[in-house]
Amino acid sequence: MAPSMSWSAVSGLPIRQPRERRPWPALGGLKEIFMTVPRSISRGATSVVSASSIVSSLLTVHTRGTGFIDLTAETAKFVHETRANEGAVTLFVRHTSASLTIQENADPSVRADLTTALSRLAPDDAGWTHDTEGPDDMPAHVKTMLTSTSVQIPVLNGKLALGTWQAIYLIEHRSSPHRREIVLQFIGAI
């Protein structure tokens, strides 16, 4: 029996009603799977803006070696100085041995554990072929590939829409100090 359908007055899309419970065929009817419409999801009002502005800036960071550098305050300052209202800010690191991430900002042991995890996934002594720039260079490339070179954060009412415990980090994957460049770009309404 097909589920009954009704249509949303807002979007014009079909709304799927809860399905009746029935035995899961692959399990020979031993287990029943219940499929229902989620009841704990809500959404705020929709905002519509014309994305008529693009504002860019270059952030230079001098790292001290392997570790996380919090870029949240600098990003918020950029958003404030551009007088951004609604849109998105993108950060892009212009390197292949450093990366960007959004992670917990409350407990520093999270960042220490993430550094340990990345080191276990790409150790310096794994017998890498590419070692011209030192034994930590190829593992740094692998760690960048496993993480990301860009992040995007929504801007709502002129503020970064980060969660309570989220921060934006540059991750330096090399053991020696480096000069890193991060492009900041806001696209949206001012």
N, C-alpha and C. Protein backbone atom coordinates (compact mmCIF):
# COMPACT_ATOMS: atom_id res chain seq x y z
N MET A 1 0.84 -1.18 0.00
CA MET A 1 0.00 0.00 0.00
C MET A 1 0.88 1.24 0.00
N ALA A 2 0.71 2.12 -0.96
CA ALA A 2 1.50 3.34 -1.06
C ALA A 2 1.07 4.32 0.03
N PRO A 3 2.03 5.08 0.57
CA PRO A 3 1.66 6.05 1.60
C PRO A 3 0.80 7.15 0.99
N SER A 4 -0.13 7.66 1.77
CA SER A 4 -0.98 8.75 1.27
C SER A 4 -0.14 10.02 1.18
N MET A 5 -0.47 10.89 0.26
CA MET A 5 0.30 12.10 0.04
C MET A 5 -0.61 13.31 0.20
N SER A 6 -0.06 14.37 0.78
CA SER A 6 -0.74 15.65 0.78
C SER A 6 0.28 16.67 0.30
N TRP A 7 -0.17 17.85 -0.06
CA TRP A 7 0.70 18.84 -0.66
C TRP A 7 0.86 20.02 0.27
N SER A 8 2.11 20.52 0.38
CA SER A 8 2.41 21.67 1.21
C SER A 8 1.90 22.94 0.55
N ALA A 9 1.19 23.76 1.31
CA ALA A 9 0.70 25.03 0.79
C ALA A 9 1.85 26.02 0.60
N VAL A 10 2.95 25.84 1.35
CA VAL A 10 4.08 26.76 1.28
C VAL A 10 4.96 26.46 0.08
N SER A 11 5.43 25.22 -0.05
CA SER A 11 6.39 24.89 -1.10
C SER A 11 5.76 24.25 -2.32
N GLY A 12 4.54 23.73 -2.20
CA GLY A 12 3.91 23.02 -3.31
C GLY A 12 4.46 21.63 -3.50
N LEU A 13 5.31 21.17 -2.58
CA LEU A 13 5.90 19.84 -2.66
C LEU A 13 5.07 18.85 -1.86
N PRO A 14 5.15 17.58 -2.22
CA PRO A 14 4.38 16.58 -1.47
C PRO A 14 4.92 16.40 -0.06
N ILE A 15 4.04 16.13 0.88
CA ILE A 15 4.40 15.82 2.25
C ILE A 15 4.11 14.34 2.45
N ARG A 16 5.12 13.60 2.83
CA ARG A 16 4.95 12.17 3.03
C ARG A 16 4.39 11.92 4.44
N GLN A 17 3.36 11.19 4.51
CA GLN A 17 2.73 10.84 5.79
C GLN A 17 3.45 9.62 6.38
N PRO A 18 3.32 9.40 7.69
CA PRO A 18 3.96 8.23 8.30
C PRO A 18 3.51 6.94 7.61
N ARG A 19 4.47 6.04 7.45
CA ARG A 19 4.16 4.75 6.85
C ARG A 19 3.66 3.80 7.92
N GLU A 20 2.88 2.85 7.47
CA GLU A 20 2.44 1.81 8.40
C GLU A 20 3.61 0.89 8.68
N ARG A 21 3.64 0.26 9.84
CA ARG A 21 4.74 -0.64 10.14
C ARG A 21 4.53 -1.95 9.40
N ARG A 22 5.66 -2.51 8.98
CA ARG A 22 5.59 -3.77 8.25
C ARG A 22 6.89 -4.52 8.44
N PRO A 23 6.88 -5.84 8.27
CA PRO A 23 8.12 -6.61 8.44
C PRO A 23 9.14 -6.26 7.38
N TRP A 24 10.40 -6.24 7.75
CA TRP A 24 11.48 -6.01 6.81
C TRP A 24 11.74 -7.31 6.06
N PRO A 25 11.56 -7.32 4.73
CA PRO A 25 11.63 -8.58 3.98
C PRO A 25 12.97 -9.28 4.08
N ALA A 26 14.08 -8.56 4.10
CA ALA A 26 15.40 -9.20 4.13
C ALA A 26 15.64 -9.95 5.44
N LEU A 27 14.92 -9.61 6.48
CA LEU A 27 15.11 -10.27 7.77
C LEU A 27 14.06 -11.35 8.01
N GLY A 28 13.36 -11.72 6.98
CA GLY A 28 12.37 -12.78 7.10
C GLY A 28 11.25 -12.44 8.05
N GLY A 29 10.95 -11.18 8.22
CA GLY A 29 9.85 -10.78 9.08
C GLY A 29 10.18 -10.85 10.57
N LEU A 30 11.46 -11.07 10.92
CA LEU A 30 11.83 -11.19 12.32
C LEU A 30 11.85 -9.84 13.03
N LYS A 31 12.16 -8.79 12.29
CA LYS A 31 12.21 -7.45 12.88
C LYS A 31 11.24 -6.57 12.13
N GLU A 32 10.70 -5.62 12.81
CA GLU A 32 9.85 -4.65 12.15
C GLU A 32 10.57 -3.30 12.15
N ILE A 33 10.47 -2.63 11.05
CA ILE A 33 11.07 -1.32 10.90
C ILE A 33 9.94 -0.29 10.90
N PHE A 34 10.10 0.73 11.74
CA PHE A 34 9.09 1.78 11.82
C PHE A 34 9.62 3.01 11.12
N MET A 35 8.91 3.49 10.15
CA MET A 35 9.31 4.70 9.44
C MET A 35 8.25 5.76 9.71
N THR A 36 8.68 6.84 10.35
CA THR A 36 7.74 7.90 10.68
C THR A 36 8.32 9.24 10.26
N VAL A 37 7.47 10.22 10.18
CA VAL A 37 7.89 11.59 9.91
C VAL A 37 8.53 12.11 11.20
N PRO A 38 9.74 12.68 11.12
CA PRO A 38 10.37 13.22 12.33
C PRO A 38 9.50 14.27 12.98
N ARG A 39 9.44 14.25 14.29
CA ARG A 39 8.61 15.19 15.03
C ARG A 39 9.44 16.27 15.73
N SER A 40 10.79 16.15 15.73
CA SER A 40 11.60 17.10 16.48
C SER A 40 12.38 18.05 15.58
N ILE A 41 11.92 18.27 14.38
CA ILE A 41 12.60 19.19 13.47
C ILE A 41 11.76 20.43 13.29
N SER A 42 12.43 21.59 13.38
CA SER A 42 11.74 22.85 13.12
C SER A 42 12.66 23.72 12.29
N ARG A 43 12.10 24.70 11.62
CA ARG A 43 12.88 25.60 10.78
C ARG A 43 12.36 27.00 10.98
N GLY A 44 13.28 27.95 11.05
CA GLY A 44 12.90 29.35 11.19
C GLY A 44 12.40 29.92 9.89
N ALA A 45 12.03 31.16 9.95
CA ALA A 45 11.51 31.85 8.77
C ALA A 45 12.58 31.95 7.69
N THR A 46 12.16 31.90 6.46
CA THR A 46 13.07 31.99 5.32
C THR A 46 13.42 33.44 5.07
N SER A 47 14.73 33.69 4.79
CA SER A 47 15.12 35.05 4.41
C SER A 47 15.62 34.99 2.97
N VAL A 48 15.27 35.99 2.20
CA VAL A 48 15.68 36.07 0.80
C VAL A 48 16.44 37.37 0.63
N VAL A 49 17.68 37.27 0.10
CA VAL A 49 18.48 38.46 -0.15
C VAL A 49 19.07 38.37 -1.55
N SER A 50 19.39 39.52 -2.12
CA SER A 50 20.12 39.55 -3.37
C SER A 50 21.60 39.56 -3.04
N ALA A 51 22.33 38.59 -3.56
CA ALA A 51 23.76 38.50 -3.31
C ALA A 51 24.48 39.42 -4.29
N SER A 52 24.45 40.70 -3.99
CA SER A 52 24.98 41.69 -4.93
C SER A 52 26.39 42.17 -4.57
N SER A 53 26.93 41.72 -3.45
CA SER A 53 28.25 42.19 -3.03
C SER A 53 29.22 41.03 -2.86
N ILE A 54 30.43 41.25 -3.32
CA ILE A 54 31.53 40.32 -3.07
C ILE A 54 32.67 41.14 -2.51
N VAL A 55 33.12 40.80 -1.31
CA VAL A 55 34.20 41.52 -0.64
C VAL A 55 35.27 40.50 -0.29
N SER A 56 36.53 40.80 -0.65
CA SER A 56 37.62 39.86 -0.41
C SER A 56 38.76 40.54 0.33
N SER A 57 39.52 39.72 1.06
CA SER A 57 40.69 40.20 1.78
C SER A 57 41.67 39.05 1.93
N LEU A 58 42.95 39.37 2.11
CA LEU A 58 43.97 38.36 2.30
C LEU A 58 44.49 38.44 3.73
N LEU A 59 44.39 37.34 4.44
CA LEU A 59 44.87 37.24 5.82
C LEU A 59 46.20 36.50 5.81
N THR A 60 47.22 37.07 6.43
CA THR A 60 48.53 36.42 6.53
C THR A 60 48.75 35.98 7.97
N VAL A 61 49.12 34.72 8.14
CA VAL A 61 49.35 34.14 9.47
C VAL A 61 50.75 33.56 9.52
N HIS A 62 51.51 33.93 10.54
CA HIS A 62 52.83 33.34 10.77
C HIS A 62 52.67 32.25 11.83
N THR A 63 52.85 31.00 11.41
CA THR A 63 52.67 29.89 12.34
C THR A 63 53.97 29.61 13.09
N ARG A 64 53.86 28.86 14.17
CA ARG A 64 55.03 28.49 14.98
C ARG A 64 55.41 27.03 14.78
N GLY A 65 54.73 26.35 13.88
CA GLY A 65 54.93 24.93 13.67
C GLY A 65 53.60 24.22 13.81
N THR A 66 53.65 22.90 13.87
CA THR A 66 52.45 22.07 13.91
C THR A 66 51.47 22.55 14.97
N GLY A 67 50.19 22.66 14.57
CA GLY A 67 49.16 23.02 15.54
C GLY A 67 48.00 23.77 14.91
N PHE A 68 47.06 24.14 15.76
CA PHE A 68 45.84 24.82 15.36
C PHE A 68 45.94 26.30 15.72
N ILE A 69 45.55 27.17 14.79
CA ILE A 69 45.52 28.61 15.02
C ILE A 69 44.07 29.06 14.82
N ASP A 70 43.49 29.67 15.84
CA ASP A 70 42.09 30.10 15.81
C ASP A 70 41.95 31.36 14.95
N LEU A 71 41.15 31.26 13.89
CA LEU A 71 40.91 32.38 12.98
C LEU A 71 39.52 32.99 13.16
N THR A 72 38.79 32.57 14.17
CA THR A 72 37.41 33.00 14.34
C THR A 72 37.29 34.50 14.55
N ALA A 73 38.09 35.07 15.44
CA ALA A 73 38.01 36.50 15.72
C ALA A 73 38.36 37.33 14.49
N GLU A 74 39.40 36.93 13.75
CA GLU A 74 39.77 37.66 12.53
C GLU A 74 38.67 37.58 11.47
N THR A 75 38.03 36.41 11.39
CA THR A 75 36.94 36.24 10.41
C THR A 75 35.74 37.10 10.81
N ALA A 76 35.40 37.11 12.09
CA ALA A 76 34.29 37.93 12.58
C ALA A 76 34.58 39.42 12.36
N LYS A 77 35.84 39.81 12.56
CA LYS A 77 36.25 41.20 12.33
C LYS A 77 36.08 41.57 10.85
N PHE A 78 36.49 40.66 9.97
CA PHE A 78 36.32 40.88 8.53
C PHE A 78 34.85 41.06 8.18
N VAL A 79 33.99 40.19 8.70
CA VAL A 79 32.55 40.27 8.43
C VAL A 79 32.00 41.61 8.94
N HIS A 80 32.42 42.01 10.13
CA HIS A 80 31.96 43.28 10.71
C HIS A 80 32.43 44.47 9.87
N GLU A 81 33.71 44.46 9.47
CA GLU A 81 34.27 45.58 8.70
C GLU A 81 33.65 45.70 7.31
N THR A 82 33.20 44.59 6.75
CA THR A 82 32.55 44.65 5.42
C THR A 82 31.09 45.08 5.54
N ARG A 83 30.60 45.19 6.76
CA ARG A 83 29.20 45.51 7.04
C ARG A 83 28.26 44.49 6.41
N ALA A 84 28.73 43.22 6.44
CA ALA A 84 27.95 42.12 5.88
C ALA A 84 26.65 41.96 6.66
N ASN A 85 25.59 41.62 5.96
CA ASN A 85 24.30 41.40 6.60
C ASN A 85 23.89 39.94 6.47
N GLU A 86 23.60 39.51 5.26
CA GLU A 86 23.19 38.12 5.00
C GLU A 86 24.02 37.58 3.84
N GLY A 87 24.52 36.36 4.00
CA GLY A 87 25.30 35.74 2.93
C GLY A 87 26.18 34.64 3.48
N ALA A 88 27.39 34.55 2.95
CA ALA A 88 28.32 33.52 3.40
C ALA A 88 29.75 34.05 3.29
N VAL A 89 30.58 33.64 4.23
CA VAL A 89 32.00 33.96 4.16
C VAL A 89 32.76 32.66 3.92
N THR A 90 33.68 32.72 2.98
CA THR A 90 34.51 31.57 2.65
C THR A 90 35.94 31.89 3.03
N LEU A 91 36.62 30.91 3.61
CA LEU A 91 38.05 31.00 3.86
C LEU A 91 38.73 29.95 3.00
N PHE A 92 39.82 30.32 2.35
CA PHE A 92 40.57 29.40 1.49
C PHE A 92 42.05 29.57 1.77
N VAL A 93 42.72 28.49 2.17
CA VAL A 93 44.16 28.54 2.44
C VAL A 93 44.91 28.22 1.15
N ARG A 94 45.90 29.05 0.84
CA ARG A 94 46.61 28.97 -0.44
C ARG A 94 47.87 28.11 -0.33
N HIS A 95 47.75 26.97 0.31
CA HIS A 95 48.91 26.10 0.52
C HIS A 95 48.48 24.64 0.46
N THR A 96 49.45 23.75 0.27
CA THR A 96 49.15 22.31 0.20
C THR A 96 49.67 21.54 1.40
N SER A 97 50.20 22.26 2.39
CA SER A 97 50.67 21.59 3.61
C SER A 97 50.10 22.24 4.86
N ALA A 98 48.98 22.94 4.70
CA ALA A 98 48.21 23.52 5.80
C ALA A 98 46.75 23.42 5.38
N SER A 99 45.85 23.42 6.35
CA SER A 99 44.44 23.27 6.01
C SER A 99 43.56 24.07 6.96
N LEU A 100 42.26 24.01 6.70
CA LEU A 100 41.27 24.72 7.51
C LEU A 100 40.24 23.73 8.02
N THR A 101 39.69 24.02 9.19
CA THR A 101 38.63 23.19 9.74
C THR A 101 37.77 24.01 10.69
N ILE A 102 36.58 23.51 10.95
CA ILE A 102 35.73 24.06 12.01
C ILE A 102 35.65 22.97 13.06
N GLN A 103 36.05 23.32 14.29
CA GLN A 103 36.11 22.33 15.35
C GLN A 103 35.73 22.95 16.69
N GLU A 104 35.68 22.10 17.70
CA GLU A 104 35.35 22.54 19.05
C GLU A 104 36.38 23.53 19.56
N ASN A 105 35.90 24.57 20.26
CA ASN A 105 36.80 25.59 20.79
C ASN A 105 36.89 25.59 22.32
N ALA A 106 36.16 24.72 22.98
CA ALA A 106 36.11 24.76 24.44
C ALA A 106 37.24 24.00 25.11
N ASP A 107 37.54 22.81 24.66
CA ASP A 107 38.52 21.95 25.32
C ASP A 107 39.74 21.77 24.43
N PRO A 108 40.89 22.31 24.81
CA PRO A 108 42.10 22.20 23.99
C PRO A 108 42.54 20.75 23.75
N SER A 109 42.11 19.82 24.58
CA SER A 109 42.51 18.43 24.37
C SER A 109 41.91 17.86 23.09
N VAL A 110 40.81 18.45 22.61
CA VAL A 110 40.23 18.01 21.33
C VAL A 110 41.24 18.27 20.22
N ARG A 111 41.83 19.46 20.19
CA ARG A 111 42.81 19.79 19.16
C ARG A 111 44.06 18.94 19.31
N ALA A 112 44.47 18.66 20.52
CA ALA A 112 45.63 17.77 20.74
C ALA A 112 45.34 16.37 20.21
N ASP A 113 44.15 15.86 20.48
CA ASP A 113 43.77 14.53 19.99
C ASP A 113 43.65 14.51 18.47
N LEU A 114 43.15 15.57 17.87
CA LEU A 114 43.06 15.64 16.41
C LEU A 114 44.45 15.66 15.78
N THR A 115 45.39 16.38 16.39
CA THR A 115 46.77 16.39 15.91
C THR A 115 47.36 14.98 15.99
N THR A 116 47.10 14.29 17.08
CA THR A 116 47.57 12.91 17.24
C THR A 116 46.96 12.00 16.18
N ALA A 117 45.66 12.14 15.94
CA ALA A 117 44.99 11.30 14.94
C ALA A 117 45.58 11.53 13.55
N LEU A 118 45.80 12.79 13.18
CA LEU A 118 46.37 13.08 11.87
C LEU A 118 47.79 12.53 11.76
N SER A 119 48.56 12.60 12.84
CA SER A 119 49.93 12.06 12.84
C SER A 119 49.93 10.54 12.69
N ARG A 120 48.93 9.88 13.26
CA ARG A 120 48.83 8.43 13.10
C ARG A 120 48.42 8.05 11.68
N LEU A 121 47.58 8.87 11.05
CA LEU A 121 47.13 8.60 9.69
C LEU A 121 48.23 8.87 8.66
N ALA A 122 49.09 9.84 8.95
CA ALA A 122 50.17 10.19 8.02
C ALA A 122 51.46 10.46 8.82
N PRO A 123 52.13 9.40 9.29
CA PRO A 123 53.33 9.59 10.10
C PRO A 123 54.53 10.05 9.26
N ASP A 124 55.44 10.76 9.89
CA ASP A 124 56.64 11.24 9.20
C ASP A 124 57.50 10.10 8.67
N ASP A 125 57.53 8.99 9.38
CA ASP A 125 58.44 7.89 9.04
C ASP A 125 57.78 6.76 8.24
N ALA A 126 56.88 7.09 7.36
CA ALA A 126 56.16 6.06 6.60
C ALA A 126 56.87 5.66 5.31
N GLY A 127 58.08 6.16 5.09
CA GLY A 127 58.82 5.80 3.88
C GLY A 127 58.33 6.52 2.64
N TRP A 128 57.97 7.79 2.79
CA TRP A 128 57.46 8.57 1.67
C TRP A 128 58.54 8.78 0.61
N THR A 129 58.14 8.79 -0.65
CA THR A 129 59.07 9.05 -1.76
C THR A 129 59.41 10.53 -1.83
N HIS A 130 58.41 11.38 -1.69
CA HIS A 130 58.60 12.83 -1.75
C HIS A 130 59.13 13.32 -0.39
N ASP A 131 60.42 13.65 -0.34
CA ASP A 131 61.01 14.14 0.92
C ASP A 131 61.98 15.29 0.68
N THR A 132 61.90 15.92 -0.48
CA THR A 132 62.81 17.00 -0.85
C THR A 132 62.79 18.15 0.16
N GLU A 133 61.61 18.46 0.69
CA GLU A 133 61.48 19.59 1.63
C GLU A 133 61.52 19.13 3.09
N GLY A 134 61.86 17.89 3.34
CA GLY A 134 61.96 17.39 4.70
C GLY A 134 61.00 16.24 4.95
N PRO A 135 61.24 15.48 6.02
CA PRO A 135 60.43 14.29 6.29
C PRO A 135 58.99 14.59 6.69
N ASP A 136 58.69 15.85 7.08
CA ASP A 136 57.31 16.19 7.47
C ASP A 136 56.50 16.77 6.32
N ASP A 137 57.11 16.96 5.13
CA ASP A 137 56.41 17.61 4.03
C ASP A 137 55.33 16.71 3.40
N MET A 138 55.69 15.49 3.01
CA MET A 138 54.69 14.61 2.40
C MET A 138 53.56 14.28 3.37
N PRO A 139 53.85 13.97 4.65
CA PRO A 139 52.74 13.77 5.58
C PRO A 139 51.84 15.00 5.68
N ALA A 140 52.43 16.20 5.55
CA ALA A 140 51.63 17.43 5.60
C ALA A 140 50.67 17.49 4.40
N HIS A 141 51.15 17.06 3.24
CA HIS A 141 50.27 17.03 2.06
C HIS A 141 49.11 16.06 2.27
N VAL A 142 49.40 14.90 2.84
CA VAL A 142 48.35 13.90 3.09
C VAL A 142 47.34 14.45 4.10
N LYS A 143 47.82 15.08 5.16
CA LYS A 143 46.92 15.65 6.18
C LYS A 143 46.03 16.74 5.59
N THR A 144 46.58 17.55 4.67
CA THR A 144 45.77 18.57 4.00
C THR A 144 44.69 17.92 3.14
N MET A 145 45.08 16.82 2.46
CA MET A 145 44.11 16.11 1.63
C MET A 145 42.99 15.51 2.49
N LEU A 146 43.31 15.06 3.69
CA LEU A 146 42.32 14.45 4.58
C LEU A 146 41.40 15.49 5.24
N THR A 147 41.85 16.72 5.33
CA THR A 147 41.05 17.76 5.96
C THR A 147 40.44 18.63 4.86
N SER A 148 40.76 19.91 4.79
CA SER A 148 40.16 20.75 3.76
C SER A 148 40.98 22.02 3.56
N THR A 149 40.94 22.56 2.36
CA THR A 149 41.62 23.83 2.11
C THR A 149 40.65 25.01 2.15
N SER A 150 39.34 24.72 2.35
CA SER A 150 38.38 25.83 2.46
C SER A 150 37.24 25.45 3.40
N VAL A 151 36.66 26.49 3.98
CA VAL A 151 35.45 26.34 4.79
C VAL A 151 34.52 27.50 4.45
N GLN A 152 33.24 27.27 4.61
CA GLN A 152 32.24 28.32 4.36
C GLN A 152 31.31 28.40 5.55
N ILE A 153 31.05 29.62 5.99
CA ILE A 153 30.20 29.84 7.15
C ILE A 153 29.09 30.82 6.76
N PRO A 154 27.83 30.48 7.03
CA PRO A 154 26.75 31.43 6.76
C PRO A 154 26.89 32.68 7.64
N VAL A 155 26.46 33.79 7.11
CA VAL A 155 26.40 35.04 7.86
C VAL A 155 24.93 35.41 7.96
N LEU A 156 24.44 35.52 9.19
CA LEU A 156 23.03 35.86 9.44
C LEU A 156 22.98 37.11 10.31
N ASN A 157 22.28 38.11 9.84
CA ASN A 157 22.16 39.37 10.59
C ASN A 157 23.51 39.94 10.99
N GLY A 158 24.48 39.83 10.10
CA GLY A 158 25.79 40.42 10.33
C GLY A 158 26.72 39.62 11.21
N LYS A 159 26.34 38.41 11.60
CA LYS A 159 27.16 37.59 12.50
C LYS A 159 27.45 36.23 11.87
N LEU A 160 28.61 35.66 12.21
CA LEU A 160 28.93 34.30 11.79
C LEU A 160 27.93 33.35 12.44
N ALA A 161 27.37 32.43 11.67
CA ALA A 161 26.36 31.50 12.20
C ALA A 161 27.03 30.22 12.71
N LEU A 162 28.10 30.37 13.48
CA LEU A 162 28.77 29.23 14.09
C LEU A 162 28.00 28.77 15.31
N GLY A 163 28.12 27.49 15.64
CA GLY A 163 27.53 26.96 16.85
C GLY A 163 28.30 27.42 18.07
N THR A 164 27.72 27.23 19.23
CA THR A 164 28.31 27.70 20.50
C THR A 164 29.75 27.24 20.68
N TRP A 165 30.06 26.00 20.36
CA TRP A 165 31.39 25.44 20.63
C TRP A 165 32.24 25.34 19.37
N GLN A 166 31.87 26.03 18.30
CA GLN A 166 32.62 25.95 17.06
C GLN A 166 33.56 27.14 16.89
N ALA A 167 34.73 26.85 16.33
CA ALA A 167 35.69 27.88 15.95
C ALA A 167 36.30 27.50 14.61
N ILE A 168 36.85 28.49 13.93
CA ILE A 168 37.50 28.29 12.64
C ILE A 168 39.00 28.21 12.89
N TYR A 169 39.63 27.15 12.41
CA TYR A 169 41.05 26.95 12.66
C TYR A 169 41.85 26.77 11.37
N LEU A 170 43.03 27.37 11.35
CA LEU A 170 44.07 27.02 10.39
C LEU A 170 44.86 25.90 11.06
N ILE A 171 45.12 24.82 10.33
CA ILE A 171 45.94 23.74 10.88
C ILE A 171 47.28 23.77 10.15
N GLU A 172 48.32 24.03 10.90
CA GLU A 172 49.68 23.96 10.34
C GLU A 172 50.14 22.52 10.46
N HIS A 173 50.47 21.90 9.32
CA HIS A 173 50.90 20.51 9.33
C HIS A 173 52.41 20.34 9.30
N ARG A 174 53.16 21.41 9.08
CA ARG A 174 54.63 21.34 9.07
C ARG A 174 55.16 21.64 10.47
N SER A 175 56.32 21.07 10.79
CA SER A 175 56.87 21.24 12.14
C SER A 175 57.59 22.57 12.31
N SER A 176 58.04 23.18 11.24
CA SER A 176 58.73 24.47 11.35
C SER A 176 57.75 25.63 11.08
N PRO A 177 58.10 26.84 11.53
CA PRO A 177 57.23 28.00 11.29
C PRO A 177 57.07 28.28 9.79
N HIS A 178 55.88 28.74 9.42
CA HIS A 178 55.59 29.09 8.03
C HIS A 178 54.73 30.34 7.98
N ARG A 179 54.79 31.02 6.84
CA ARG A 179 53.92 32.16 6.56
C ARG A 179 52.79 31.63 5.69
N ARG A 180 51.56 31.72 6.19
CA ARG A 180 50.40 31.17 5.47
C ARG A 180 49.46 32.28 5.06
N GLU A 181 48.90 32.14 3.87
CA GLU A 181 47.93 33.11 3.36
C GLU A 181 46.56 32.47 3.26
N ILE A 182 45.56 33.18 3.77
CA ILE A 182 44.17 32.70 3.73
C ILE A 182 43.34 33.79 3.06
N VAL A 183 42.62 33.41 2.01
CA VAL A 183 41.71 34.34 1.34
C VAL A 183 40.39 34.32 2.12
N LEU A 184 39.91 35.52 2.47
CA LEU A 184 38.59 35.68 3.09
C LEU A 184 37.69 36.30 2.03
N GLN A 185 36.52 35.73 1.83
CA GLN A 185 35.61 36.30 0.83
C GLN A 185 34.17 36.21 1.32
N PHE A 186 33.53 37.37 1.38
CA PHE A 186 32.11 37.43 1.72
C PHE A 186 31.31 37.63 0.45
N ILE A 187 30.26 36.82 0.27
CA ILE A 187 29.33 36.98 -0.84
C ILE A 187 27.94 37.12 -0.24
N GLY A 188 27.26 38.21 -0.55
CA GLY A 188 25.92 38.39 0.00
C GLY A 188 25.49 39.84 -0.01
N ALA A 189 24.58 40.14 0.89
CA ALA A 189 24.00 41.48 0.98
C ALA A 189 24.67 42.26 2.10
N ILE A 190 24.92 43.53 1.81
CA ILE A 190 25.53 44.42 2.79
C ILE A 190 24.48 45.42 3.26
